[in-house]
Amino acid sequence: MFGLPNIKSAKKRVLVNATKAAQNKAAKSALKTDIKKFEAAVAEGNRSEAEGAYKVAVKAVDKAAGHGLLHQNNAARKKSAMTLKLNKLA
């Protein structure tokens, strides 16, 4: 059993890291769900539903980038791709 912390602060970091990892995983999962809802609306060809899902997805991407879950460039690329898909529906 190597790698178990003995120092009090190191023990706390293990707990905090596990908590933060769970929060990050949940947030990324929610982000992916929002993007998939948008893509499903686009696949159906429903413009009004796609516009609503687009707003939700872009907000989620911006929030994720602001919290450090996504790199700013990655967020910009995702938003750009979604915008192109939405504009093709017109």
C-alpha atoms as a PDB file:
ATOM      1  CA  MET A   1       0.000   0.000   0.000  1.00  0.00           C
ATOM      2  CA  PHE A   2       2.107   2.809  -1.322  1.00  0.00           C
ATOM      3  CA  GLY A   3       0.954   6.318  -1.996  1.00  0.00           C
ATOM      4  CA  LEU A   4      -1.361   6.788   0.962  1.00  0.00           C
ATOM      5  CA  PRO A   5      -0.837  10.189   2.556  1.00  0.00           C
ATOM      6  CA  ASN A   6       0.435  10.456   6.108  1.00  0.00           C
ATOM      7  CA  ILE A   7       0.432  14.227   6.432  1.00  0.00           C
ATOM      8  CA  LYS A   8      -2.832  15.852   7.483  1.00  0.00           C
ATOM      9  CA  SER A   9      -2.865  18.414   4.668  1.00  0.00           C
ATOM     10  CA  ALA A  10      -2.137  15.703   2.092  1.00  0.00           C
ATOM     11  CA  LYS A  11      -5.055  13.636   3.412  1.00  0.00           C
ATOM     12  CA  LYS A  12      -7.317  16.657   3.022  1.00  0.00           C
ATOM     13  CA  ARG A  13      -6.076  17.247  -0.540  1.00  0.00           C
ATOM     14  CA  VAL A  14      -7.027  13.664  -1.455  1.00  0.00           C
ATOM     15  CA  LEU A  15     -10.591  14.281  -0.235  1.00  0.00           C
ATOM     16  CA  VAL A  16     -10.854  17.716  -1.872  1.00  0.00           C
ATOM     17  CA  ASN A  17      -9.460  16.409  -5.168  1.00  0.00           C
ATOM     18  CA  ALA A  18     -12.012  13.586  -5.208  1.00  0.00           C
ATOM     19  CA  THR A  19     -14.855  16.051  -4.553  1.00  0.00           C
ATOM     20  CA  LYS A  20     -13.676  18.461  -7.242  1.00  0.00           C
ATOM     21  CA  ALA A  21     -13.198  15.637  -9.753  1.00  0.00           C
ATOM     22  CA  ALA A  22     -16.800  14.531  -9.168  1.00  0.00           C
ATOM     23  CA  GLN A  23     -18.058  18.107  -9.625  1.00  0.00           C
ATOM     24  CA  ASN A  24     -16.061  18.514 -12.842  1.00  0.00           C
ATOM     25  CA  LYS A  25     -17.334  15.200 -14.193  1.00  0.00           C
ATOM     26  CA  ALA A  26     -20.953  16.157 -13.487  1.00  0.00           C
ATOM     27  CA  ALA A  27     -20.522  19.588 -15.090  1.00  0.00           C
ATOM     28  CA  LYS A  28     -18.891  18.133 -18.222  1.00  0.00           C
ATOM     29  CA  SER A  29     -21.640  15.534 -18.490  1.00  0.00           C
ATOM     30  CA  ALA A  30     -24.321  18.244 -18.277  1.00  0.00           C
ATOM     31  CA  LEU A  31     -22.478  20.247 -20.935  1.00  0.00           C
ATOM     32  CA  LYS A  32     -22.370  17.257 -23.289  1.00  0.00           C
ATOM     33  CA  THR A  33     -26.089  16.657 -22.699  1.00  0.00           C
ATOM     34  CA  ASP A  34     -26.925  20.258 -23.650  1.00  0.00           C
ATOM     35  CA  ILE A  35     -24.860  19.992 -26.836  1.00  0.00           C
ATOM     36  CA  LYS A  36     -26.517  16.664 -27.745  1.00  0.00           C
ATOM     37  CA  LYS A  37     -29.983  18.201 -27.256  1.00  0.00           C
ATOM     38  CA  PHE A  38     -29.042  20.970 -29.679  1.00  0.00           C
ATOM     39  CA  GLU A  39     -27.705  18.498 -32.233  1.00  0.00           C
ATOM     40  CA  ALA A  40     -30.864  16.381 -31.927  1.00  0.00           C
ATOM     41  CA  ALA A  41     -33.023  19.447 -32.611  1.00  0.00           C
ATOM     42  CA  VAL A  42     -30.892  20.272 -35.655  1.00  0.00           C
ATOM     43  CA  ALA A  43     -31.189  16.687 -36.914  1.00  0.00           C
ATOM     44  CA  GLU A  44     -34.990  16.936 -36.668  1.00  0.00           C
ATOM     45  CA  GLY A  45     -34.882  20.174 -38.644  1.00  0.00           C
ATOM     46  CA  ASN A  46     -36.918  22.006 -36.008  1.00  0.00           C
ATOM     47  CA  ARG A  47     -35.584  25.583 -36.172  1.00  0.00           C
ATOM     48  CA  SER A  48     -37.440  27.042 -33.176  1.00  0.00           C
ATOM     49  CA  GLU A  49     -36.467  24.149 -30.912  1.00  0.00           C
ATOM     50  CA  ALA A  50     -32.887  24.309 -32.207  1.00  0.00           C
ATOM     51  CA  GLU A  51     -32.667  28.040 -31.426  1.00  0.00           C
ATOM     52  CA  GLY A  52     -33.753  27.443 -27.829  1.00  0.00           C
ATOM     53  CA  ALA A  53     -31.326  24.555 -27.416  1.00  0.00           C
ATOM     54  CA  TYR A  54     -28.592  26.668 -29.043  1.00  0.00           C
ATOM     55  CA  LYS A  55     -28.957  29.404 -26.415  1.00  0.00           C
ATOM     56  CA  VAL A  56     -28.791  26.866 -23.597  1.00  0.00           C
ATOM     57  CA  ALA A  57     -25.785  25.069 -25.109  1.00  0.00           C
ATOM     58  CA  VAL A  58     -23.806  28.264 -25.802  1.00  0.00           C
ATOM     59  CA  LYS A  59     -24.427  29.473 -22.258  1.00  0.00           C
ATOM     60  CA  ALA A  60     -23.246  26.109 -20.900  1.00  0.00           C
ATOM     61  CA  VAL A  61     -20.098  26.192 -23.063  1.00  0.00           C
ATOM     62  CA  ASP A  62     -19.278  29.740 -21.941  1.00  0.00           C
ATOM     63  CA  LYS A  63     -19.816  28.813 -18.303  1.00  0.00           C
ATOM     64  CA  ALA A  64     -17.608  25.719 -18.639  1.00  0.00           C
ATOM     65  CA  ALA A  65     -14.846  27.795 -20.240  1.00  0.00           C
ATOM     66  CA  GLY A  66     -15.127  30.383 -17.483  1.00  0.00           C
ATOM     67  CA  HIS A  67     -14.752  27.716 -14.821  1.00  0.00           C
ATOM     68  CA  GLY A  68     -11.761  26.125 -16.526  1.00  0.00           C
ATOM     69  CA  LEU A  69     -13.495  22.934 -17.656  1.00  0.00           C
ATOM     70  CA  LEU A  70     -12.810  23.823 -21.297  1.00  0.00           C
ATOM     71  CA  HIS A  71     -10.023  25.829 -22.867  1.00  0.00           C
ATOM     72  CA  GLN A  72     -11.208  29.136 -24.347  1.00  0.00           C
ATOM     73  CA  ASN A  73     -10.239  28.019 -27.867  1.00  0.00           C
ATOM     74  CA  ASN A  74     -12.094  24.730 -27.442  1.00  0.00           C
ATOM     75  CA  ALA A  75     -15.197  26.627 -26.312  1.00  0.00           C
ATOM     76  CA  ALA A  76     -14.939  29.003 -29.270  1.00  0.00           C
ATOM     77  CA  ARG A  77     -14.628  26.063 -31.668  1.00  0.00           C
ATOM     78  CA  LYS A  78     -17.708  24.355 -30.202  1.00  0.00           C
ATOM     79  CA  LYS A  79     -19.765  27.555 -30.389  1.00  0.00           C
ATOM     80  CA  SER A  80     -18.641  28.209 -33.957  1.00  0.00           C
ATOM     81  CA  ALA A  81     -19.607  24.699 -35.060  1.00  0.00           C
ATOM     82  CA  MET A  82     -23.029  25.011 -33.414  1.00  0.00           C
ATOM     83  CA  THR A  83     -23.608  28.410 -35.042  1.00  0.00           C
ATOM     84  CA  LEU A  84     -22.806  26.980 -38.475  1.00  0.00           C
ATOM     85  CA  LYS A  85     -25.235  24.094 -37.928  1.00  0.00           C
ATOM     86  CA  LEU A  86     -27.974  26.484 -36.797  1.00  0.00           C
ATOM     87  CA  ASN A  87     -27.463  28.815 -39.761  1.00  0.00           C
ATOM     88  CA  LYS A  88     -27.692  25.908 -42.215  1.00  0.00           C
ATOM     89  CA  LEU A  89     -31.246  25.244 -40.992  1.00  0.00           C
ATOM     90  CA  ALA A  90     -32.523  28.571 -42.389  1.00  0.00           C
END
